[in-house]
Amino acid sequence: MRNDDTHQFEASRTRELPRVTAVKQSRRFFVLALGITLIAAGLALVVLPGPFSLPLIFLGLTVLSWEYPAAKRLLFNLKSKIRQVRASRSRSRR
């Protein structure tokens, strides 16, 4: 092995994983704060007088799904359940 090969091997072995930048961290924090705020407002409107409880909860889940796969799965499952309920209601009205 030449000296250049050894240096390249050592450099590749000690290479660190890319660090999360401050922009990515601040975006994740903003998405988390906004999503939780929207969901909390939606849940508050369930018990308080207000017509926008479910849309706010869905909007909060949509915002959280931008960064968190668990929120994306939950949103998908809720949408499929709503479709099932709508389909069963339309069949029962006939």
PDB file of N, CA and C in Angstrom:
ATOM      1  N   MET A   1       0.832  -1.179   0.000  1.00  0.00           N
ATOM      2  CA  MET A   1       0.000   0.000   0.000  1.00  0.00           C
ATOM      3  C   MET A   1       0.874   1.238   0.000  1.00  0.00           C
ATOM      4  N   ARG A   2       0.456   2.166  -0.803  1.00  0.00           N
ATOM      5  CA  ARG A   2       1.173   3.438  -0.816  1.00  0.00           C
ATOM      6  C   ARG A   2       0.680   4.305   0.330  1.00  0.00           C
ATOM      7  N   ASN A   3       1.381   5.339   0.585  1.00  0.00           N
ATOM      8  CA  ASN A   3       1.015   6.255   1.655  1.00  0.00           C
ATOM      9  C   ASN A   3      -0.323   6.936   1.363  1.00  0.00           C
ATOM     10  N   ASP A   4      -0.592   7.246   0.080  1.00  0.00           N
ATOM     11  CA  ASP A   4      -1.861   7.885  -0.296  1.00  0.00           C
ATOM     12  C   ASP A   4      -3.043   6.960  -0.008  1.00  0.00           C
ATOM     13  N   ASP A   5      -2.882   5.673  -0.275  1.00  0.00           N
ATOM     14  CA  ASP A   5      -3.958   4.714  -0.032  1.00  0.00           C
ATOM     15  C   ASP A   5      -4.273   4.611   1.454  1.00  0.00           C
ATOM     16  N   THR A   6      -3.250   4.613   2.270  1.00  0.00           N
ATOM     17  CA  THR A   6      -3.448   4.534   3.708  1.00  0.00           C
ATOM     18  C   THR A   6      -4.192   5.755   4.209  1.00  0.00           C
ATOM     19  N   HIS A   7      -3.812   6.914   3.713  1.00  0.00           N
ATOM     20  CA  HIS A   7      -4.477   8.154   4.134  1.00  0.00           C
ATOM     21  C   HIS A   7      -5.956   8.144   3.735  1.00  0.00           C
ATOM     22  N   GLN A   8      -6.249   7.659   2.520  1.00  0.00           N
ATOM     23  CA  GLN A   8      -7.638   7.608   2.057  1.00  0.00           C
ATOM     24  C   GLN A   8      -8.443   6.625   2.903  1.00  0.00           C
ATOM     25  N   PHE A   9      -7.844   5.498   3.262  1.00  0.00           N
ATOM     26  CA  PHE A   9      -8.528   4.518   4.096  1.00  0.00           C
ATOM     27  C   PHE A   9      -8.834   5.095   5.469  1.00  0.00           C
ATOM     28  N   GLU A  10      -7.879   5.747   6.068  1.00  0.00           N
ATOM     29  CA  GLU A  10      -8.086   6.348   7.386  1.00  0.00           C
ATOM     30  C   GLU A  10      -9.138   7.448   7.333  1.00  0.00           C
ATOM     31  N   ALA A  11      -9.133   8.237   6.272  1.00  0.00           N
ATOM     32  CA  ALA A  11     -10.105   9.321   6.150  1.00  0.00           C
ATOM     33  C   ALA A  11     -11.512   8.758   6.011  1.00  0.00           C
ATOM     34  N   SER A  12     -11.669   7.673   5.264  1.00  0.00           N
ATOM     35  CA  SER A  12     -13.008   7.108   5.091  1.00  0.00           C
ATOM     36  C   SER A  12     -13.480   6.412   6.364  1.00  0.00           C
ATOM     37  N   ARG A  13     -12.558   5.872   7.141  1.00  0.00           N
ATOM     38  CA  ARG A  13     -12.928   5.197   8.379  1.00  0.00           C
ATOM     39  C   ARG A  13     -13.360   6.160   9.466  1.00  0.00           C
ATOM     40  N   THR A  14     -12.780   7.326   9.470  1.00  0.00           N
ATOM     41  CA  THR A  14     -13.079   8.287  10.529  1.00  0.00           C
ATOM     42  C   THR A  14     -14.132   9.301  10.113  1.00  0.00           C
ATOM     43  N   ARG A  15     -14.706   9.121   8.950  1.00  0.00           N
ATOM     44  CA  ARG A  15     -15.734  10.057   8.492  1.00  0.00           C
ATOM     45  C   ARG A  15     -16.949   9.971   9.401  1.00  0.00           C
ATOM     46  N   GLU A  16     -17.435  11.105   9.838  1.00  0.00           N
ATOM     47  CA  GLU A  16     -18.579  11.139  10.742  1.00  0.00           C
ATOM     48  C   GLU A  16     -19.878  11.189   9.958  1.00  0.00           C
ATOM     49  N   LEU A  17     -20.940  10.800  10.619  1.00  0.00           N
ATOM     50  CA  LEU A  17     -22.257  10.922  10.015  1.00  0.00           C
ATOM     51  C   LEU A  17     -22.615  12.391   9.888  1.00  0.00           C
ATOM     52  N   PRO A  18     -23.397  12.756   8.889  1.00  0.00           N
ATOM     53  CA  PRO A  18     -23.771  14.171   8.763  1.00  0.00           C
ATOM     54  C   PRO A  18     -24.590  14.621   9.963  1.00  0.00           C
ATOM     55  N   ARG A  19     -24.292  15.792  10.436  1.00  0.00           N
ATOM     56  CA  ARG A  19     -24.998  16.322  11.593  1.00  0.00           C
ATOM     57  C   ARG A  19     -26.263  17.030  11.167  1.00  0.00           C
ATOM     58  N   VAL A  20     -27.221  16.990  12.055  1.00  0.00           N
ATOM     59  CA  VAL A  20     -28.474  17.680  11.784  1.00  0.00           C
ATOM     60  C   VAL A  20     -28.211  19.170  11.931  1.00  0.00           C
ATOM     61  N   THR A  21     -28.546  19.901  10.903  1.00  0.00           N
ATOM     62  CA  THR A  21     -28.264  21.324  10.934  1.00  0.00           C
ATOM     63  C   THR A  21     -29.280  22.053  11.801  1.00  0.00           C
ATOM     64  N   ALA A  22     -28.952  23.276  12.133  1.00  0.00           N
ATOM     65  CA  ALA A  22     -29.843  24.087  12.963  1.00  0.00           C
ATOM     66  C   ALA A  22     -31.145  24.375  12.237  1.00  0.00           C
ATOM     67  N   VAL A  23     -31.089  24.483  10.919  1.00  0.00           N
ATOM     68  CA  VAL A  23     -32.306  24.747  10.145  1.00  0.00           C
ATOM     69  C   VAL A  23     -33.259  23.567  10.232  1.00  0.00           C
ATOM     70  N   LYS A  24     -32.740  22.349  10.118  1.00  0.00           N
ATOM     71  CA  LYS A  24     -33.593  21.162  10.215  1.00  0.00           C
ATOM     72  C   LYS A  24     -34.179  21.017  11.611  1.00  0.00           C
ATOM     73  N   GLN A  25     -33.359  21.295  12.619  1.00  0.00           N
ATOM     74  CA  GLN A  25     -33.859  21.195  13.982  1.00  0.00           C
ATOM     75  C   GLN A  25     -34.935  22.234  14.256  1.00  0.00           C
ATOM     76  N   SER A  26     -34.735  23.447  13.781  1.00  0.00           N
ATOM     77  CA  SER A  26     -35.737  24.486  14.012  1.00  0.00           C
ATOM     78  C   SER A  26     -37.011  24.188  13.229  1.00  0.00           C
ATOM     79  N   ARG A  27     -36.893  23.602  12.032  1.00  0.00           N
ATOM     80  CA  ARG A  27     -38.081  23.224  11.263  1.00  0.00           C
ATOM     81  C   ARG A  27     -38.869  22.147  11.987  1.00  0.00           C
ATOM     82  N   ARG A  28     -38.169  21.147  12.512  1.00  0.00           N
ATOM     83  CA  ARG A  28     -38.849  20.086  13.254  1.00  0.00           C
ATOM     84  C   ARG A  28     -39.552  20.637  14.485  1.00  0.00           C
ATOM     85  N   PHE A  29     -38.893  21.564  15.187  1.00  0.00           N
ATOM     86  CA  PHE A  29     -39.508  22.169  16.366  1.00  0.00           C
ATOM     87  C   PHE A  29     -40.744  22.973  15.980  1.00  0.00           C
ATOM     88  N   PHE A  30     -40.641  23.751  14.896  1.00  0.00           N
ATOM     89  CA  PHE A  30     -41.780  24.553  14.448  1.00  0.00           C
ATOM     90  C   PHE A  30     -42.950  23.669  14.039  1.00  0.00           C
ATOM     91  N   VAL A  31     -42.675  22.595  13.305  1.00  0.00           N
ATOM     92  CA  VAL A  31     -43.727  21.667  12.875  1.00  0.00           C
ATOM     93  C   VAL A  31     -44.371  21.011  14.094  1.00  0.00           C
ATOM     94  N   LEU A  32     -43.566  20.609  15.059  1.00  0.00           N
ATOM     95  CA  LEU A  32     -44.105  19.983  16.267  1.00  0.00           C
ATOM     96  C   LEU A  32     -44.972  20.963  17.054  1.00  0.00           C
ATOM     97  N   ALA A  33     -44.478  22.181  17.234  1.00  0.00           N
ATOM     98  CA  ALA A  33     -45.229  23.180  18.001  1.00  0.00           C
ATOM     99  C   ALA A  33     -46.543  23.539  17.306  1.00  0.00           C
ATOM    100  N   LEU A  34     -46.495  23.746  15.994  1.00  0.00           N
ATOM    101  CA  LEU A  34     -47.700  24.103  15.250  1.00  0.00           C
ATOM    102  C   LEU A  34     -48.707  22.958  15.247  1.00  0.00           C
ATOM    103  N   GLY A  35     -48.240  21.738  15.024  1.00  0.00           N
ATOM    104  CA  GLY A  35     -49.135  20.585  14.996  1.00  0.00           C
ATOM    105  C   GLY A  35     -49.808  20.340  16.332  1.00  0.00           C
ATOM    106  N   ILE A  36     -49.037  20.407  17.406  1.00  0.00           N
ATOM    107  CA  ILE A  36     -49.616  20.189  18.732  1.00  0.00           C
ATOM    108  C   ILE A  36     -50.588  21.302  19.088  1.00  0.00           C
ATOM    109  N   THR A  37     -50.262  22.538  18.708  1.00  0.00           N
ATOM    110  CA  THR A  37     -51.168  23.660  18.977  1.00  0.00           C
ATOM    111  C   THR A  37     -52.492  23.485  18.245  1.00  0.00           C
ATOM    112  N   LEU A  38     -52.435  23.068  16.980  1.00  0.00           N
ATOM    113  CA  LEU A  38     -53.668  22.871  16.214  1.00  0.00           C
ATOM    114  C   LEU A  38     -54.506  21.729  16.783  1.00  0.00           C
ATOM    115  N   ILE A  39     -53.850  20.641  17.155  1.00  0.00           N
ATOM    116  CA  ILE A  39     -54.580  19.516  17.735  1.00  0.00           C
ATOM    117  C   ILE A  39     -55.194  19.902  19.080  1.00  0.00           C
ATOM    118  N   ALA A  40     -54.444  20.629  19.899  1.00  0.00           N
ATOM    119  CA  ALA A  40     -54.969  21.060  21.201  1.00  0.00           C
ATOM    120  C   ALA A  40     -56.158  21.994  21.021  1.00  0.00           C
ATOM    121  N   ALA A  41     -56.081  22.900  20.048  1.00  0.00           N
ATOM    122  CA  ALA A  41     -57.211  23.796  19.796  1.00  0.00           C
ATOM    123  C   ALA A  41     -58.418  23.006  19.305  1.00  0.00           C
ATOM    124  N   GLY A  42     -58.193  22.013  18.464  1.00  0.00           N
ATOM    125  CA  GLY A  42     -59.286  21.177  17.989  1.00  0.00           C
ATOM    126  C   GLY A  42     -59.930  20.382  19.107  1.00  0.00           C
ATOM    127  N   LEU A  43     -59.102  19.838  19.995  1.00  0.00           N
ATOM    128  CA  LEU A  43     -59.652  19.089  21.128  1.00  0.00           C
ATOM    129  C   LEU A  43     -60.394  20.010  22.088  1.00  0.00           C
ATOM    130  N   ALA A  44     -59.917  21.231  22.246  1.00  0.00           N
ATOM    131  CA  ALA A  44     -60.621  22.185  23.111  1.00  0.00           C
ATOM    132  C   ALA A  44     -61.976  22.541  22.514  1.00  0.00           C
ATOM    133  N   LEU A  45     -62.045  22.639  21.195  1.00  0.00           N
ATOM    134  CA  LEU A  45     -63.313  22.989  20.560  1.00  0.00           C
ATOM    135  C   LEU A  45     -64.312  21.833  20.569  1.00  0.00           C
ATOM    136  N   VAL A  46     -63.865  20.634  20.894  1.00  0.00           N
ATOM    137  CA  VAL A  46     -64.801  19.520  21.029  1.00  0.00           C
ATOM    138  C   VAL A  46     -65.716  19.774  22.214  1.00  0.00           C
ATOM    139  N   VAL A  47     -65.152  20.260  23.309  1.00  0.00           N
ATOM    140  CA  VAL A  47     -65.956  20.492  24.506  1.00  0.00           C
ATOM    141  C   VAL A  47     -66.459  21.932  24.605  1.00  0.00           C
ATOM    142  N   LEU A  48     -65.756  22.870  24.000  1.00  0.00           N
ATOM    143  CA  LEU A  48     -66.193  24.262  23.985  1.00  0.00           C
ATOM    144  C   LEU A  48     -67.069  24.504  22.762  1.00  0.00           C
ATOM    145  N   PRO A  49     -67.866  25.551  22.780  1.00  0.00           N
ATOM    146  CA  PRO A  49     -68.681  25.818  21.593  1.00  0.00           C
ATOM    147  C   PRO A  49     -67.817  26.303  20.432  1.00  0.00           C
ATOM    148  N   GLY A  50     -67.853  25.552  19.376  1.00  0.00           N
ATOM    149  CA  GLY A  50     -67.080  25.918  18.195  1.00  0.00           C
ATOM    150  C   GLY A  50     -67.272  24.901  17.101  1.00  0.00           C
ATOM    151  N   PRO A  51     -67.368  25.334  15.867  1.00  0.00           N
ATOM    152  CA  PRO A  51     -67.691  24.407  14.785  1.00  0.00           C
ATOM    153  C   PRO A  51     -66.483  23.738  14.124  1.00  0.00           C
ATOM    154  N   PHE A  52     -65.267  24.122  14.469  1.00  0.00           N
ATOM    155  CA  PHE A  52     -64.111  23.678  13.691  1.00  0.00           C
ATOM    156  C   PHE A  52     -63.230  22.686  14.421  1.00  0.00           C
ATOM    157  N   SER A  53     -63.793  21.823  15.230  1.00  0.00           N
ATOM    158  CA  SER A  53     -62.957  20.915  16.010  1.00  0.00           C
ATOM    159  C   SER A  53     -62.283  19.861  15.132  1.00  0.00           C
ATOM    160  N   LEU A  54     -63.037  19.129  14.345  1.00  0.00           N
ATOM    161  CA  LEU A  54     -62.447  18.067  13.525  1.00  0.00           C
ATOM    162  C   LEU A  54     -61.506  18.594  12.444  1.00  0.00           C
ATOM    163  N   PRO A  55     -61.856  19.671  11.735  1.00  0.00           N
ATOM    164  CA  PRO A  55     -60.882  20.180  10.762  1.00  0.00           C
ATOM    165  C   PRO A  55     -59.560  20.614  11.392  1.00  0.00           C
ATOM    166  N   LEU A  56     -59.605  21.180  12.596  1.00  0.00           N
ATOM    167  CA  LEU A  56     -58.362  21.577  13.255  1.00  0.00           C
ATOM    168  C   LEU A  56     -57.528  20.365  13.658  1.00  0.00           C
ATOM    169  N   ILE A  57     -58.185  19.317  14.099  1.00  0.00           N
ATOM    170  CA  ILE A  57     -57.452  18.104  14.468  1.00  0.00           C
ATOM    171  C   ILE A  57     -56.806  17.491  13.227  1.00  0.00           C
ATOM    172  N   PHE A  58     -57.542  17.421  12.142  1.00  0.00           N
ATOM    173  CA  PHE A  58     -56.970  16.883  10.903  1.00  0.00           C
ATOM    174  C   PHE A  58     -55.854  17.767  10.362  1.00  0.00           C
ATOM    175  N   LEU A  59     -56.002  19.069  10.477  1.00  0.00           N
ATOM    176  CA  LEU A  59     -54.949  19.982  10.037  1.00  0.00           C
ATOM    177  C   LEU A  59     -53.693  19.798  10.891  1.00  0.00           C
ATOM    178  N   GLY A  60     -53.868  19.650  12.193  1.00  0.00           N
ATOM    179  CA  GLY A  60     -52.722  19.404  13.063  1.00  0.00           C
ATOM    180  C   GLY A  60     -52.009  18.104  12.730  1.00  0.00           C
ATOM    181  N   LEU A  61     -52.776  17.050  12.446  1.00  0.00           N
ATOM    182  CA  LEU A  61     -52.162  15.781  12.045  1.00  0.00           C
ATOM    183  C   LEU A  61     -51.455  15.898  10.705  1.00  0.00           C
ATOM    184  N   THR A  62     -52.020  16.679   9.801  1.00  0.00           N
ATOM    185  CA  THR A  62     -51.378  16.889   8.507  1.00  0.00           C
ATOM    186  C   THR A  62     -50.047  17.600   8.675  1.00  0.00           C
ATOM    187  N   VAL A  63     -50.011  18.610   9.511  1.00  0.00           N
ATOM    188  CA  VAL A  63     -48.769  19.329   9.763  1.00  0.00           C
ATOM    189  C   VAL A  63     -47.742  18.398  10.402  1.00  0.00           C
ATOM    190  N   LEU A  64     -48.157  17.612  11.376  1.00  0.00           N
ATOM    191  CA  LEU A  64     -47.230  16.681  12.020  1.00  0.00           C
ATOM    192  C   LEU A  64     -46.746  15.597  11.064  1.00  0.00           C
ATOM    193  N   SER A  65     -47.570  15.235  10.086  1.00  0.00           N
ATOM    194  CA  SER A  65     -47.172  14.176   9.151  1.00  0.00           C
ATOM    195  C   SER A  65     -46.059  14.621   8.210  1.00  0.00           C
ATOM    196  N   TRP A  66     -45.782  15.908   8.143  1.00  0.00           N
ATOM    197  CA  TRP A  66     -44.660  16.382   7.331  1.00  0.00           C
ATOM    198  C   TRP A  66     -43.337  15.879   7.879  1.00  0.00           C
ATOM    199  N   GLU A  67     -43.241  15.686   9.173  1.00  0.00           N
ATOM    200  CA  GLU A  67     -41.986  15.297   9.804  1.00  0.00           C
ATOM    201  C   GLU A  67     -42.032  13.947  10.508  1.00  0.00           C
ATOM    202  N   TYR A  68     -43.199  13.496  10.903  1.00  0.00           N
ATOM    203  CA  TYR A  68     -43.293  12.310  11.744  1.00  0.00           C
ATOM    204  C   TYR A  68     -44.118  11.224  11.048  1.00  0.00           C
ATOM    205  N   PRO A  69     -43.505  10.074  10.745  1.00  0.00           N
ATOM    206  CA  PRO A  69     -44.221   8.993  10.061  1.00  0.00           C
ATOM    207  C   PRO A  69     -45.388   8.432  10.874  1.00  0.00           C
ATOM    208  N   ALA A  70     -45.314   8.454  12.178  1.00  0.00           N
ATOM    209  CA  ALA A  70     -46.419   7.942  12.999  1.00  0.00           C
ATOM    210  C   ALA A  70     -47.673   8.789  12.798  1.00  0.00           C
ATOM    211  N   ALA A  71     -47.513  10.088  12.683  1.00  0.00           N
ATOM    212  CA  ALA A  71     -48.656  10.971  12.429  1.00  0.00           C
ATOM    213  C   ALA A  71     -49.230  10.716  11.037  1.00  0.00           C
ATOM    214  N   LYS A  72     -48.359  10.407  10.089  1.00  0.00           N
ATOM    215  CA  LYS A  72     -48.827  10.098   8.736  1.00  0.00           C
ATOM    216  C   LYS A  72     -49.664   8.826   8.726  1.00  0.00           C
ATOM    217  N   ARG A  73     -49.219   7.807   9.468  1.00  0.00           N
ATOM    218  CA  ARG A  73     -49.989   6.559   9.558  1.00  0.00           C
ATOM    219  C   ARG A  73     -51.320   6.786  10.249  1.00  0.00           C
ATOM    220  N   LEU A  74     -51.320   7.560  11.326  1.00  0.00           N
ATOM    221  CA  LEU A  74     -52.551   7.847  12.046  1.00  0.00           C
ATOM    222  C   LEU A  74     -53.537   8.601  11.165  1.00  0.00           C
ATOM    223  N   LEU A  75     -53.048   9.578  10.428  1.00  0.00           N
ATOM    224  CA  LEU A  75     -53.907  10.341   9.523  1.00  0.00           C
ATOM    225  C   LEU A  75     -54.485   9.437   8.437  1.00  0.00           C
ATOM    226  N   PHE A  76     -53.672   8.554   7.880  1.00  0.00           N
ATOM    227  CA  PHE A  76     -54.145   7.624   6.856  1.00  0.00           C
ATOM    228  C   PHE A  76     -55.223   6.709   7.419  1.00  0.00           C
ATOM    229  N   ASN A  77     -55.000   6.187   8.628  1.00  0.00           N
ATOM    230  CA  ASN A  77     -55.987   5.299   9.247  1.00  0.00           C
ATOM    231  C   ASN A  77     -57.298   6.026   9.537  1.00  0.00           C
ATOM    232  N   LEU A  78     -57.214   7.259  10.018  1.00  0.00           N
ATOM    233  CA  LEU A  78     -58.428   8.030  10.276  1.00  0.00           C
ATOM    234  C   LEU A  78     -59.203   8.310   8.991  1.00  0.00           C
ATOM    235  N   LYS A  79     -58.485   8.642   7.928  1.00  0.00           N
ATOM    236  CA  LYS A  79     -59.155   8.903   6.648  1.00  0.00           C
ATOM    237  C   LYS A  79     -59.846   7.653   6.133  1.00  0.00           C
ATOM    238  N   SER A  80     -59.189   6.503   6.273  1.00  0.00           N
ATOM    239  CA  SER A  80     -59.822   5.269   5.786  1.00  0.00           C
ATOM    240  C   SER A  80     -61.041   4.909   6.624  1.00  0.00           C
ATOM    241  N   LYS A  81     -60.998   5.160   7.934  1.00  0.00           N
ATOM    242  CA  LYS A  81     -62.171   4.903   8.779  1.00  0.00           C
ATOM    243  C   LYS A  81     -63.326   5.824   8.415  1.00  0.00           C
ATOM    244  N   ILE A  82     -63.033   7.068   8.119  1.00  0.00           N
ATOM    245  CA  ILE A  82     -64.085   8.015   7.715  1.00  0.00           C
ATOM    246  C   ILE A  82     -64.713   7.574   6.399  1.00  0.00           C
ATOM    247  N   ARG A  83     -63.886   7.108   5.475  1.00  0.00           N
ATOM    248  CA  ARG A  83     -64.433   6.605   4.205  1.00  0.00           C
ATOM    249  C   ARG A  83     -65.333   5.399   4.430  1.00  0.00           C
ATOM    250  N   GLN A  84     -64.950   4.510   5.346  1.00  0.00           N
ATOM    251  CA  GLN A  84     -65.771   3.339   5.645  1.00  0.00           C
ATOM    252  C   GLN A  84     -67.106   3.752   6.257  1.00  0.00           C
ATOM    253  N   VAL A  85     -67.078   4.714   7.159  1.00  0.00           N
ATOM    254  CA  VAL A  85     -68.314   5.176   7.792  1.00  0.00           C
ATOM    255  C   VAL A  85     -69.217   5.827   6.755  1.00  0.00           C
ATOM    256  N   ARG A  86     -68.654   6.633   5.880  1.00  0.00           N
ATOM    257  CA  ARG A  86     -69.460   7.274   4.829  1.00  0.00           C
ATOM    258  C   ARG A  86     -70.068   6.246   3.900  1.00  0.00           C
ATOM    259  N   ALA A  87     -69.279   5.240   3.542  1.00  0.00           N
ATOM    260  CA  ALA A  87     -69.794   4.199   2.658  1.00  0.00           C
ATOM    261  C   ALA A  87     -70.910   3.409   3.324  1.00  0.00           C
ATOM    262  N   SER A  88     -70.770   3.102   4.595  1.00  0.00           N
ATOM    263  CA  SER A  88     -71.817   2.343   5.279  1.00  0.00           C
ATOM    264  C   SER A  88     -73.074   3.190   5.460  1.00  0.00           C
ATOM    265  N   ARG A  89     -72.932   4.478   5.665  1.00  0.00           N
ATOM    266  CA  ARG A  89     -74.105   5.355   5.774  1.00  0.00           C
ATOM    267  C   ARG A  89     -74.829   5.477   4.450  1.00  0.00           C
ATOM    268  N   SER A  90     -74.080   5.562   3.376  1.00  0.00           N
ATOM    269  CA  SER A  90     -74.740   5.690   2.064  1.00  0.00           C
ATOM    270  C   SER A  90     -75.449   4.389   1.694  1.00  0.00           C
ATOM    271  N   ARG A  91     -74.906   3.244   2.106  1.00  0.00           N
ATOM    272  CA  ARG A  91     -75.567   1.966   1.832  1.00  0.00           C
ATOM    273  C   ARG A  91     -76.810   1.798   2.689  1.00  0.00           C
ATOM    274  N   SER A  92     -76.784   2.300   3.908  1.00  0.00           N
ATOM    275  CA  SER A  92     -77.932   2.116   4.799  1.00  0.00           C
ATOM    276  C   SER A  92     -79.085   3.051   4.434  1.00  0.00           C
ATOM    277  N   ARG A  93     -78.822   4.122   3.752  1.00  0.00           N
ATOM    278  CA  ARG A  93     -79.884   5.059   3.340  1.00  0.00           C
ATOM    279  C   ARG A  93     -80.659   4.561   2.135  1.00  0.00           C
ATOM    280  N   ARG A  94     -80.133   3.616   1.418  1.00  0.00           N
ATOM    281  CA  ARG A  94     -80.815   3.138   0.209  1.00  0.00           C
ATOM    282  C   ARG A  94     -81.954   2.270   0.522  1.00  0.00           C
TER     283      ARG A  94
END
